[in-house]
Amino acid sequence: MAISCVTSPGIAIWIQFHLLIMFVLQNTEEIPYLYS
């Protein structure tokens, strides 16, 4: 996996984008509890 990520930057960018989306979704799930 590491080698494929290095040889194809597109995969690394997609992984980082996916992690960012997951991070945002986790934050948005906590927002209603904070403001409830």
PDB file of N, CA and C in Angstrom:
ATOM      1  N   MET A   1       0.835  -1.205   0.000  1.00  0.00           N
ATOM      2  CA  MET A   1       0.000   0.000   0.000  1.00  0.00           C
ATOM      3  C   MET A   1       0.864   1.248   0.000  1.00  0.00           C
ATOM      4  N   ALA A   2       1.914   1.249   0.828  1.00  0.00           N
ATOM      5  CA  ALA A   2       2.780   2.428   0.926  1.00  0.00           C
ATOM      6  C   ALA A   2       3.415   2.739  -0.424  1.00  0.00           C
ATOM      7  N   ILE A   3       3.888   1.685  -1.108  1.00  0.00           N
ATOM      8  CA  ILE A   3       4.546   1.900  -2.398  1.00  0.00           C
ATOM      9  C   ILE A   3       3.546   2.443  -3.420  1.00  0.00           C
ATOM     10  N   SER A   4       2.338   1.909  -3.421  1.00  0.00           N
ATOM     11  CA  SER A   4       1.333   2.356  -4.389  1.00  0.00           C
ATOM     12  C   SER A   4       0.956   3.805  -4.135  1.00  0.00           C
ATOM     13  N   CYS A   5       0.935   4.199  -2.855  1.00  0.00           N
ATOM     14  CA  CYS A   5       0.587   5.585  -2.536  1.00  0.00           C
ATOM     15  C   CYS A   5       1.684   6.527  -3.014  1.00  0.00           C
ATOM     16  N   VAL A   6       2.935   6.082  -2.923  1.00  0.00           N
ATOM     17  CA  VAL A   6       4.054   6.927  -3.334  1.00  0.00           C
ATOM     18  C   VAL A   6       4.105   7.038  -4.853  1.00  0.00           C
ATOM     19  N   THR A   7       3.850   5.930  -5.540  1.00  0.00           N
ATOM     20  CA  THR A   7       3.952   5.927  -6.995  1.00  0.00           C
ATOM     21  C   THR A   7       2.769   6.638  -7.634  1.00  0.00           C
ATOM     22  N   SER A   8       1.619   6.627  -6.973  1.00  0.00           N
ATOM     23  CA  SER A   8       0.444   7.311  -7.530  1.00  0.00           C
ATOM     24  C   SER A   8      -0.100   8.320  -6.518  1.00  0.00           C
ATOM     25  N   PRO A   9       0.286   9.588  -6.657  1.00  0.00           N
ATOM     26  CA  PRO A   9      -0.149  10.635  -5.727  1.00  0.00           C
ATOM     27  C   PRO A   9      -1.664  10.755  -5.655  1.00  0.00           C
ATOM     28  N   GLY A  10      -2.353  10.399  -6.731  1.00  0.00           N
ATOM     29  CA  GLY A  10      -3.809  10.501  -6.739  1.00  0.00           C
ATOM     30  C   GLY A  10      -4.440   9.677  -5.626  1.00  0.00           C
ATOM     31  N   ILE A  11      -3.873   8.490  -5.366  1.00  0.00           N
ATOM     32  CA  ILE A  11      -4.417   7.636  -4.309  1.00  0.00           C
ATOM     33  C   ILE A  11      -4.205   8.288  -2.947  1.00  0.00           C
ATOM     34  N   ALA A  12      -3.030   8.857  -2.729  1.00  0.00           N
ATOM     35  CA  ALA A  12      -2.734   9.507  -1.453  1.00  0.00           C
ATOM     36  C   ALA A  12      -3.668  10.690  -1.230  1.00  0.00           C
ATOM     37  N   ILE A  13      -3.920  11.453  -2.294  1.00  0.00           N
ATOM     38  CA  ILE A  13      -4.821  12.607  -2.191  1.00  0.00           C
ATOM     39  C   ILE A  13      -6.235  12.137  -1.871  1.00  0.00           C
ATOM     40  N   TRP A  14      -6.670  11.038  -2.507  1.00  0.00           N
ATOM     41  CA  TRP A  14      -8.014  10.516  -2.261  1.00  0.00           C
ATOM     42  C   TRP A  14      -8.148  10.049  -0.819  1.00  0.00           C
ATOM     43  N   ILE A  15      -7.087   9.404  -0.298  1.00  0.00           N
ATOM     44  CA  ILE A  15      -7.116   8.929   1.093  1.00  0.00           C
ATOM     45  C   ILE A  15      -7.197  10.111   2.050  1.00  0.00           C
ATOM     46  N   GLN A  16      -6.399  11.145   1.803  1.00  0.00           N
ATOM     47  CA  GLN A  16      -6.419  12.321   2.670  1.00  0.00           C
ATOM     48  C   GLN A  16      -7.785  12.994   2.608  1.00  0.00           C
ATOM     49  N   PHE A  17      -8.377  13.058   1.416  1.00  0.00           N
ATOM     50  CA  PHE A  17      -9.697  13.665   1.247  1.00  0.00           C
ATOM     51  C   PHE A  17     -10.749  12.854   1.996  1.00  0.00           C
ATOM     52  N   HIS A  18     -10.649  11.520   1.921  1.00  0.00           N
ATOM     53  CA  HIS A  18     -11.593  10.649   2.610  1.00  0.00           C
ATOM     54  C   HIS A  18     -11.479  10.827   4.121  1.00  0.00           C
ATOM     55  N   LEU A  19     -10.238  10.913   4.628  1.00  0.00           N
ATOM     56  CA  LEU A  19     -10.033  11.112   6.062  1.00  0.00           C
ATOM     57  C   LEU A  19     -10.592  12.457   6.493  1.00  0.00           C
ATOM     58  N   LEU A  20     -10.433  13.473   5.648  1.00  0.00           N
ATOM     59  CA  LEU A  20     -10.949  14.804   5.968  1.00  0.00           C
ATOM     60  C   LEU A  20     -12.475  14.768   6.057  1.00  0.00           C
ATOM     61  N   ILE A  21     -13.117  14.076   5.109  1.00  0.00           N
ATOM     62  CA  ILE A  21     -14.575  13.961   5.118  1.00  0.00           C
ATOM     63  C   ILE A  21     -15.043  13.243   6.384  1.00  0.00           C
ATOM     64  N   MET A  22     -14.367  12.158   6.748  1.00  0.00           N
ATOM     65  CA  MET A  22     -14.738  11.425   7.953  1.00  0.00           C
ATOM     66  C   MET A  22     -14.584  12.300   9.184  1.00  0.00           C
ATOM     67  N   PHE A  23     -13.517  13.118   9.212  1.00  0.00           N
ATOM     68  CA  PHE A  23     -13.275  14.018  10.344  1.00  0.00           C
ATOM     69  C   PHE A  23     -14.389  15.044  10.447  1.00  0.00           C
ATOM     70  N   VAL A  24     -14.797  15.596   9.311  1.00  0.00           N
ATOM     71  CA  VAL A  24     -15.867  16.602   9.301  1.00  0.00           C
ATOM     72  C   VAL A  24     -17.192  15.975   9.732  1.00  0.00           C
ATOM     73  N   LEU A  25     -17.463  14.756   9.246  1.00  0.00           N
ATOM     74  CA  LEU A  25     -18.717  14.091   9.607  1.00  0.00           C
ATOM     75  C   LEU A  25     -18.773  13.828  11.107  1.00  0.00           C
ATOM     76  N   GLN A  26     -17.645  13.436  11.698  1.00  0.00           N
ATOM     77  CA  GLN A  26     -17.612  13.185  13.137  1.00  0.00           C
ATOM     78  C   GLN A  26     -17.871  14.476  13.898  1.00  0.00           C
ATOM     79  N   ASN A  27     -17.328  15.583  13.405  1.00  0.00           N
ATOM     80  CA  ASN A  27     -17.527  16.868  14.072  1.00  0.00           C
ATOM     81  C   ASN A  27     -18.977  17.314  13.956  1.00  0.00           C
ATOM     82  N   THR A  28     -19.579  17.141  12.781  1.00  0.00           N
ATOM     83  CA  THR A  28     -20.961  17.571  12.576  1.00  0.00           C
ATOM     84  C   THR A  28     -21.913  16.724  13.416  1.00  0.00           C
ATOM     85  N   GLU A  29     -21.525  15.484  13.723  1.00  0.00           N
ATOM     86  CA  GLU A  29     -22.374  14.637  14.559  1.00  0.00           C
ATOM     87  C   GLU A  29     -22.335  15.109  16.006  1.00  0.00           C
ATOM     88  N   GLU A  30     -21.240  15.756  16.400  1.00  0.00           N
ATOM     89  CA  GLU A  30     -21.104  16.213  17.777  1.00  0.00           C
ATOM     90  C   GLU A  30     -21.724  17.591  17.972  1.00  0.00           C
ATOM     91  N   ILE A  31     -21.871  18.362  16.888  1.00  0.00           N
ATOM     92  CA  ILE A  31     -22.395  19.725  16.997  1.00  0.00           C
ATOM     93  C   ILE A  31     -23.801  19.769  17.614  1.00  0.00           C
ATOM     94  N   PRO A  32     -24.754  18.944  17.175  1.00  0.00           N
ATOM     95  CA  PRO A  32     -26.100  18.993  17.765  1.00  0.00           C
ATOM     96  C   PRO A  32     -26.077  18.759  19.276  1.00  0.00           C
ATOM     97  N   TYR A  33     -25.162  17.908  19.742  1.00  0.00           N
ATOM     98  CA  TYR A  33     -25.091  17.628  21.172  1.00  0.00           C
ATOM     99  C   TYR A  33     -24.544  18.834  21.930  1.00  0.00           C
ATOM    100  N   LEU A  34     -23.634  19.567  21.297  1.00  0.00           N
ATOM    101  CA  LEU A  34     -23.035  20.723  21.957  1.00  0.00           C
ATOM    102  C   LEU A  34     -24.028  21.864  22.076  1.00  0.00           C
ATOM    103  N   TYR A  35     -24.908  22.007  21.081  1.00  0.00           N
ATOM    104  CA  TYR A  35     -25.831  23.145  21.065  1.00  0.00           C
ATOM    105  C   TYR A  35     -27.247  22.762  21.485  1.00  0.00           C
ATOM    106  N   SER A  36     -27.424  21.511  21.939  1.00  0.00           N
ATOM    107  CA  SER A  36     -28.769  21.087  22.317  1.00  0.00           C
ATOM    108  C   SER A  36     -29.144  21.605  23.704  1.00  0.00           C
TER     109      SER A  36
END
